[in-house]
C-alpha cells in the first residue's frame, strides 16, 4: 500500500505553496498541471486522464532539458490510467517503473522550484 501511496504522490504532484512564476508559458502550464492534480484519486482513471492532458500541455512548453523527464512522467501516467484503478496493477507499475519516475520527478521538481518558484512537496522533496 505504501507503493500505491508513493505512486499517487508522484503522479499527483500534490500542491504546496504556489507563488509567482518567472519562466514564461512553462510556469503557467506547470501551475495548471499542479492545479489539475490536486486531490487526484489515482484509482479514478478519468481524473488521471484530465491530469494527463495537462501533463502533455506542460511537456510541450517545458525547457529542452526537461522534455525527456516529462515524457517519462506522461508514459507513467498513461500506464496508471490504463490500470483503470486496479490496485494490483498500480502496485506493479510502482515496482516496475518507480526507478524511472523518481529521477524524472526530481529534475522537474528542482526546476519548478528554482525557475517557477513552485514547490511540489508530493514529488519527493
N, C-alpha and C. Protein backbone atom coordinates (compact mmCIF):
# COMPACT_ATOMS: atom_id res chain seq x y z
N UNK A 1 0.82 -1.18 0.00
CA UNK A 1 0.00 0.00 0.00
C UNK A 1 0.87 1.26 0.00
N UNK A 2 2.07 1.18 0.62
CA UNK A 2 2.96 2.34 0.59
C UNK A 2 3.39 2.66 -0.83
N UNK A 3 3.60 1.61 -1.65
CA UNK A 3 3.99 1.85 -3.04
C UNK A 3 2.86 2.56 -3.79
N UNK A 4 1.61 2.21 -3.48
CA UNK A 4 0.48 2.88 -4.11
C UNK A 4 0.43 4.33 -3.68
N UNK A 5 0.69 4.60 -2.41
CA UNK A 5 0.72 5.98 -1.93
C UNK A 5 1.85 6.76 -2.60
N UNK A 6 2.99 6.12 -2.77
CA UNK A 6 4.11 6.79 -3.45
C UNK A 6 3.75 7.07 -4.90
N UNK A 7 3.09 6.12 -5.56
CA UNK A 7 2.65 6.33 -6.93
C UNK A 7 1.71 7.52 -7.00
N UNK A 8 0.76 7.58 -6.09
CA UNK A 8 -0.19 8.69 -6.08
C UNK A 8 0.53 10.01 -5.86
N UNK A 9 1.50 10.03 -4.97
CA UNK A 9 2.24 11.26 -4.70
C UNK A 9 3.02 11.71 -5.92
N UNK A 10 3.64 10.78 -6.60
CA UNK A 10 4.42 11.15 -7.79
C UNK A 10 3.51 11.63 -8.89
N UNK A 11 2.45 10.90 -9.17
CA UNK A 11 1.58 11.25 -10.28
C UNK A 11 0.80 12.53 -10.00
N UNK A 12 0.36 12.71 -8.79
CA UNK A 12 -0.46 13.88 -8.50
C UNK A 12 0.35 15.13 -8.25
N UNK A 13 1.59 14.99 -7.82
CA UNK A 13 2.42 16.16 -7.52
C UNK A 13 1.63 17.14 -6.65
N UNK A 14 1.16 16.67 -5.49
CA UNK A 14 0.29 17.50 -4.67
C UNK A 14 0.90 18.86 -4.42
N UNK A 15 0.03 19.82 -4.26
CA UNK A 15 0.43 21.22 -4.24
C UNK A 15 0.78 21.67 -2.84
N UNK A 16 1.87 22.39 -2.75
CA UNK A 16 2.23 23.11 -1.54
C UNK A 16 2.02 24.57 -1.82
N UNK A 17 3.01 25.36 -1.54
CA UNK A 17 2.92 26.79 -1.78
C UNK A 17 3.16 27.09 -3.24
N UNK A 18 2.24 27.83 -3.82
CA UNK A 18 2.41 28.28 -5.20
C UNK A 18 2.65 29.78 -5.16
N UNK A 19 3.71 30.19 -5.82
CA UNK A 19 4.00 31.62 -5.89
C UNK A 19 4.18 32.02 -7.34
N UNK A 20 4.48 33.25 -7.58
CA UNK A 20 4.59 33.74 -8.95
C UNK A 20 5.64 32.98 -9.74
N UNK A 21 5.34 32.78 -11.01
CA UNK A 21 6.28 32.11 -11.91
C UNK A 21 7.12 33.13 -12.64
N UNK A 22 8.34 32.74 -12.98
CA UNK A 22 9.20 33.63 -13.73
C UNK A 22 9.69 32.97 -15.01
N UNK A 23 9.17 31.81 -15.37
CA UNK A 23 9.68 31.08 -16.52
C UNK A 23 8.75 31.06 -17.72
N UNK A 24 7.86 32.04 -17.87
CA UNK A 24 7.03 32.13 -19.05
C UNK A 24 5.92 31.10 -19.09
N UNK A 25 5.59 30.64 -20.32
CA UNK A 25 4.48 29.71 -20.51
C UNK A 25 4.65 28.43 -19.73
N UNK A 26 5.87 27.94 -19.64
CA UNK A 26 6.10 26.69 -18.91
C UNK A 26 5.60 26.79 -17.48
N UNK A 27 5.91 27.87 -16.81
CA UNK A 27 5.49 28.01 -15.41
C UNK A 27 3.97 28.09 -15.30
N UNK A 28 3.34 28.82 -16.21
CA UNK A 28 1.88 28.90 -16.20
C UNK A 28 1.27 27.53 -16.48
N UNK A 29 1.83 26.82 -17.45
CA UNK A 29 1.36 25.48 -17.76
C UNK A 29 1.58 24.53 -16.58
N UNK A 30 2.73 24.67 -15.94
CA UNK A 30 3.04 23.83 -14.78
C UNK A 30 2.04 24.08 -13.66
N UNK A 31 1.72 25.33 -13.42
CA UNK A 31 0.73 25.65 -12.39
C UNK A 31 -0.62 25.01 -12.73
N UNK A 32 -1.01 25.07 -14.01
CA UNK A 32 -2.25 24.42 -14.43
C UNK A 32 -2.22 22.93 -14.21
N UNK A 33 -1.07 22.33 -14.47
CA UNK A 33 -0.91 20.89 -14.23
C UNK A 33 -1.05 20.57 -12.75
N UNK A 34 -0.38 21.34 -11.93
CA UNK A 34 -0.42 21.10 -10.49
C UNK A 34 -1.85 21.28 -9.98
N UNK A 35 -2.53 22.33 -10.47
CA UNK A 35 -3.92 22.55 -10.05
C UNK A 35 -4.81 21.38 -10.46
N UNK A 36 -4.58 20.82 -11.65
CA UNK A 36 -5.40 19.70 -12.12
C UNK A 36 -5.11 18.43 -11.32
N UNK A 37 -3.99 18.42 -10.63
CA UNK A 37 -3.58 17.23 -9.89
C UNK A 37 -4.00 17.26 -8.43
N UNK A 38 -4.51 18.39 -7.96
CA UNK A 38 -4.92 18.49 -6.56
C UNK A 38 -5.94 17.42 -6.24
N UNK A 39 -5.74 16.77 -5.12
CA UNK A 39 -6.69 15.77 -4.61
C UNK A 39 -7.01 14.68 -5.62
N UNK A 40 -6.08 14.38 -6.50
CA UNK A 40 -6.29 13.35 -7.52
C UNK A 40 -6.37 11.98 -6.87
N UNK A 41 -7.39 11.23 -7.24
CA UNK A 41 -7.51 9.84 -6.82
C UNK A 41 -6.91 8.98 -7.92
N UNK A 42 -5.77 8.38 -7.67
CA UNK A 42 -5.05 7.61 -8.67
C UNK A 42 -5.89 6.46 -9.21
N UNK A 43 -6.92 6.06 -8.47
CA UNK A 43 -7.79 4.98 -8.93
C UNK A 43 -8.89 5.47 -9.87
N UNK A 44 -9.02 6.78 -10.02
CA UNK A 44 -10.03 7.38 -10.89
C UNK A 44 -9.39 7.66 -12.25
N UNK A 45 -9.60 6.74 -13.21
CA UNK A 45 -8.91 6.87 -14.49
C UNK A 45 -9.35 8.12 -15.27
N UNK A 46 -10.57 8.60 -15.06
CA UNK A 46 -11.00 9.84 -15.72
C UNK A 46 -10.21 11.03 -15.18
N UNK A 47 -10.05 11.09 -13.87
CA UNK A 47 -9.28 12.18 -13.26
C UNK A 47 -7.82 12.10 -13.68
N UNK A 48 -7.28 10.89 -13.74
CA UNK A 48 -5.90 10.72 -14.21
C UNK A 48 -5.80 11.19 -15.66
N UNK A 49 -6.83 10.93 -16.45
CA UNK A 49 -6.84 11.37 -17.83
C UNK A 49 -6.79 12.89 -17.96
N UNK A 50 -7.53 13.59 -17.11
CA UNK A 50 -7.51 15.06 -17.11
C UNK A 50 -6.13 15.58 -16.73
N UNK A 51 -5.53 14.96 -15.72
CA UNK A 51 -4.19 15.35 -15.30
C UNK A 51 -3.19 15.06 -16.42
N UNK A 52 -3.40 13.96 -17.10
CA UNK A 52 -2.53 13.56 -18.20
C UNK A 52 -2.59 14.58 -19.34
N UNK A 53 -3.78 15.08 -19.64
CA UNK A 53 -3.92 16.12 -20.67
C UNK A 53 -3.10 17.35 -20.30
N UNK A 54 -3.14 17.74 -19.03
CA UNK A 54 -2.36 18.88 -18.57
C UNK A 54 -0.86 18.59 -18.65
N UNK A 55 -0.47 17.36 -18.31
CA UNK A 55 0.94 16.98 -18.38
C UNK A 55 1.46 17.09 -19.81
N UNK A 56 0.64 16.68 -20.76
CA UNK A 56 1.04 16.77 -22.17
C UNK A 56 1.21 18.23 -22.59
N UNK A 57 0.34 19.09 -22.08
CA UNK A 57 0.46 20.52 -22.38
C UNK A 57 1.76 21.08 -21.81
N UNK A 58 2.05 20.73 -20.56
CA UNK A 58 3.28 21.20 -19.91
C UNK A 58 4.51 20.69 -20.67
N UNK A 59 4.47 19.46 -21.12
CA UNK A 59 5.63 18.89 -21.79
C UNK A 59 5.98 19.66 -23.06
N UNK A 60 4.97 20.23 -23.70
CA UNK A 60 5.22 21.00 -24.93
C UNK A 60 5.91 22.33 -24.67
N UNK A 61 5.68 22.91 -23.49
CA UNK A 61 6.32 24.19 -23.17
C UNK A 61 7.54 24.02 -22.27
N UNK A 62 7.84 22.78 -21.89
CA UNK A 62 8.96 22.52 -20.98
C UNK A 62 10.29 22.88 -21.63
N UNK A 63 11.25 23.30 -20.80
CA UNK A 63 12.60 23.53 -21.30
C UNK A 63 13.14 22.23 -21.92
N UNK A 64 13.98 22.36 -22.91
CA UNK A 64 14.51 21.20 -23.64
C UNK A 64 15.13 20.16 -22.69
N UNK A 65 15.80 20.65 -21.63
CA UNK A 65 16.47 19.71 -20.74
C UNK A 65 15.49 18.93 -19.86
N UNK A 66 14.20 19.28 -19.88
CA UNK A 66 13.21 18.54 -19.11
C UNK A 66 12.25 17.73 -19.98
N UNK A 67 12.37 17.82 -21.27
CA UNK A 67 11.39 17.15 -22.13
C UNK A 67 11.43 15.64 -21.99
N UNK A 68 12.59 15.06 -21.84
CA UNK A 68 12.67 13.60 -21.61
C UNK A 68 12.04 13.24 -20.27
N UNK A 69 12.24 14.09 -19.26
CA UNK A 69 11.65 13.84 -17.95
C UNK A 69 10.12 13.87 -18.03
N UNK A 70 9.61 14.85 -18.76
CA UNK A 70 8.15 14.93 -18.92
C UNK A 70 7.62 13.73 -19.70
N UNK A 71 8.37 13.26 -20.68
CA UNK A 71 7.95 12.07 -21.42
C UNK A 71 7.85 10.87 -20.47
N UNK A 72 8.79 10.76 -19.55
CA UNK A 72 8.76 9.69 -18.56
C UNK A 72 7.51 9.80 -17.69
N UNK A 73 7.20 11.03 -17.24
CA UNK A 73 6.01 11.25 -16.40
C UNK A 73 4.74 10.89 -17.18
N UNK A 74 4.67 11.33 -18.43
CA UNK A 74 3.48 11.05 -19.24
C UNK A 74 3.33 9.55 -19.48
N UNK A 75 4.41 8.87 -19.81
CA UNK A 75 4.35 7.42 -20.01
C UNK A 75 3.84 6.73 -18.75
N UNK A 76 4.35 7.16 -17.61
CA UNK A 76 3.96 6.59 -16.32
C UNK A 76 2.48 6.84 -16.05
N UNK A 77 2.03 8.08 -16.27
CA UNK A 77 0.64 8.43 -16.03
C UNK A 77 -0.30 7.67 -16.98
N UNK A 78 0.14 7.47 -18.22
CA UNK A 78 -0.68 6.69 -19.17
C UNK A 78 -0.84 5.26 -18.68
N UNK A 79 0.22 4.70 -18.16
CA UNK A 79 0.13 3.33 -17.61
C UNK A 79 -0.78 3.31 -16.39
N UNK A 80 -0.72 4.35 -15.56
CA UNK A 80 -1.60 4.43 -14.39
C UNK A 80 -3.05 4.53 -14.84
N UNK A 81 -3.30 5.30 -15.87
CA UNK A 81 -4.66 5.42 -16.39
C UNK A 81 -5.13 4.08 -16.96
N UNK A 82 -4.25 3.39 -17.67
CA UNK A 82 -4.59 2.09 -18.26
C UNK A 82 -4.91 1.05 -17.19
N UNK A 83 -4.40 1.23 -15.99
CA UNK A 83 -4.67 0.30 -14.89
C UNK A 83 -6.13 0.37 -14.44
N UNK A 84 -6.82 1.45 -14.80
CA UNK A 84 -8.24 1.63 -14.51
C UNK A 84 -8.58 1.40 -13.04
N UNK A 85 -7.70 1.89 -12.17
CA UNK A 85 -7.97 1.81 -10.74
C UNK A 85 -7.65 0.50 -10.08
N UNK A 86 -7.15 -0.46 -10.83
CA UNK A 86 -6.81 -1.76 -10.27
C UNK A 86 -5.58 -1.62 -9.38
N UNK A 87 -5.78 -1.79 -8.08
CA UNK A 87 -4.71 -1.59 -7.11
C UNK A 87 -3.50 -2.49 -7.41
N UNK A 88 -3.74 -3.73 -7.77
CA UNK A 88 -2.63 -4.64 -8.07
C UNK A 88 -1.80 -4.14 -9.24
N UNK A 89 -2.48 -3.66 -10.29
CA UNK A 89 -1.76 -3.14 -11.45
C UNK A 89 -0.98 -1.88 -11.09
N UNK A 90 -1.56 -1.04 -10.24
CA UNK A 90 -0.88 0.19 -9.83
C UNK A 90 0.35 -0.12 -8.98
N UNK A 91 0.23 -1.13 -8.12
CA UNK A 91 1.39 -1.54 -7.31
C UNK A 91 2.48 -2.12 -8.22
N UNK A 92 2.09 -2.92 -9.19
CA UNK A 92 3.06 -3.47 -10.15
C UNK A 92 3.74 -2.35 -10.94
N UNK A 93 2.97 -1.34 -11.32
CA UNK A 93 3.54 -0.20 -12.03
C UNK A 93 4.58 0.51 -11.17
N UNK A 94 4.24 0.71 -9.91
CA UNK A 94 5.18 1.36 -8.99
C UNK A 94 6.47 0.55 -8.88
N UNK A 95 6.32 -0.77 -8.85
CA UNK A 95 7.51 -1.64 -8.75
C UNK A 95 8.33 -1.59 -10.03
N UNK A 96 7.65 -1.69 -11.18
CA UNK A 96 8.38 -1.81 -12.44
C UNK A 96 8.96 -0.49 -12.94
N UNK A 97 8.27 0.61 -12.70
CA UNK A 97 8.68 1.89 -13.26
C UNK A 97 9.10 2.92 -12.23
N UNK A 98 9.03 2.56 -10.97
CA UNK A 98 9.36 3.51 -9.91
C UNK A 98 10.77 4.08 -10.02
N UNK A 99 11.72 3.24 -10.45
CA UNK A 99 13.10 3.71 -10.58
C UNK A 99 13.27 4.70 -11.73
N UNK A 100 12.35 4.67 -12.71
CA UNK A 100 12.42 5.60 -13.83
C UNK A 100 11.78 6.94 -13.49
N UNK A 101 10.70 6.90 -12.74
CA UNK A 101 9.93 8.12 -12.49
C UNK A 101 10.60 9.02 -11.46
N UNK A 102 11.29 8.44 -10.49
CA UNK A 102 11.87 9.27 -9.43
C UNK A 102 12.89 10.27 -9.96
N UNK A 103 13.88 9.87 -10.77
CA UNK A 103 14.84 10.86 -11.26
C UNK A 103 14.16 11.94 -12.14
N UNK A 104 13.15 11.52 -12.90
CA UNK A 104 12.43 12.49 -13.73
C UNK A 104 11.71 13.51 -12.85
N UNK A 105 11.04 13.03 -11.82
CA UNK A 105 10.32 13.93 -10.92
C UNK A 105 11.29 14.81 -10.14
N UNK A 106 12.43 14.27 -9.77
CA UNK A 106 13.43 15.08 -9.07
C UNK A 106 13.88 16.26 -9.93
N UNK A 107 14.14 16.00 -11.22
CA UNK A 107 14.57 17.08 -12.13
C UNK A 107 13.46 18.11 -12.32
N UNK A 108 12.23 17.64 -12.50
CA UNK A 108 11.10 18.55 -12.69
C UNK A 108 10.86 19.38 -11.43
N UNK A 109 10.94 18.73 -10.27
CA UNK A 109 10.71 19.41 -9.00
C UNK A 109 11.76 20.49 -8.77
N UNK A 110 13.02 20.18 -9.05
CA UNK A 110 14.09 21.16 -8.85
C UNK A 110 13.89 22.36 -9.76
N UNK A 111 13.60 22.12 -11.01
CA UNK A 111 13.40 23.21 -11.95
C UNK A 111 12.16 24.03 -11.58
N UNK A 112 11.11 23.36 -11.15
CA UNK A 112 9.88 24.07 -10.76
C UNK A 112 10.16 25.03 -9.62
N UNK A 113 10.95 24.58 -8.66
CA UNK A 113 11.27 25.42 -7.51
C UNK A 113 12.23 26.54 -7.90
N UNK A 114 13.28 26.21 -8.65
CA UNK A 114 14.31 27.19 -8.99
C UNK A 114 13.83 28.25 -9.97
N UNK A 115 13.08 27.83 -10.99
CA UNK A 115 12.69 28.76 -12.05
C UNK A 115 11.29 29.31 -11.87
N UNK A 116 10.35 28.45 -11.50
CA UNK A 116 8.95 28.86 -11.43
C UNK A 116 8.51 29.25 -10.02
N UNK A 117 9.35 28.97 -9.04
CA UNK A 117 9.01 29.25 -7.64
C UNK A 117 7.76 28.48 -7.22
N UNK A 118 7.65 27.25 -7.71
CA UNK A 118 6.55 26.36 -7.36
C UNK A 118 7.14 25.19 -6.58
N UNK A 119 6.62 24.95 -5.40
CA UNK A 119 7.05 23.81 -4.60
C UNK A 119 6.13 22.63 -4.91
N UNK A 120 6.73 21.48 -5.14
CA UNK A 120 5.99 20.26 -5.40
C UNK A 120 6.31 19.25 -4.33
N UNK A 121 5.82 19.46 -3.10
CA UNK A 121 6.22 18.59 -1.99
C UNK A 121 5.82 17.15 -2.15
N UNK A 122 4.77 16.85 -2.90
CA UNK A 122 4.36 15.46 -3.09
C UNK A 122 5.28 14.69 -4.00
N UNK A 123 6.22 15.40 -4.62
CA UNK A 123 7.12 14.76 -5.58
C UNK A 123 8.42 14.29 -4.96
N UNK A 124 8.49 14.28 -3.67
CA UNK A 124 9.64 13.68 -3.02
C UNK A 124 10.64 14.65 -2.43
N UNK A 125 10.35 15.95 -2.37
CA UNK A 125 11.31 16.86 -1.76
C UNK A 125 10.92 17.20 -0.36
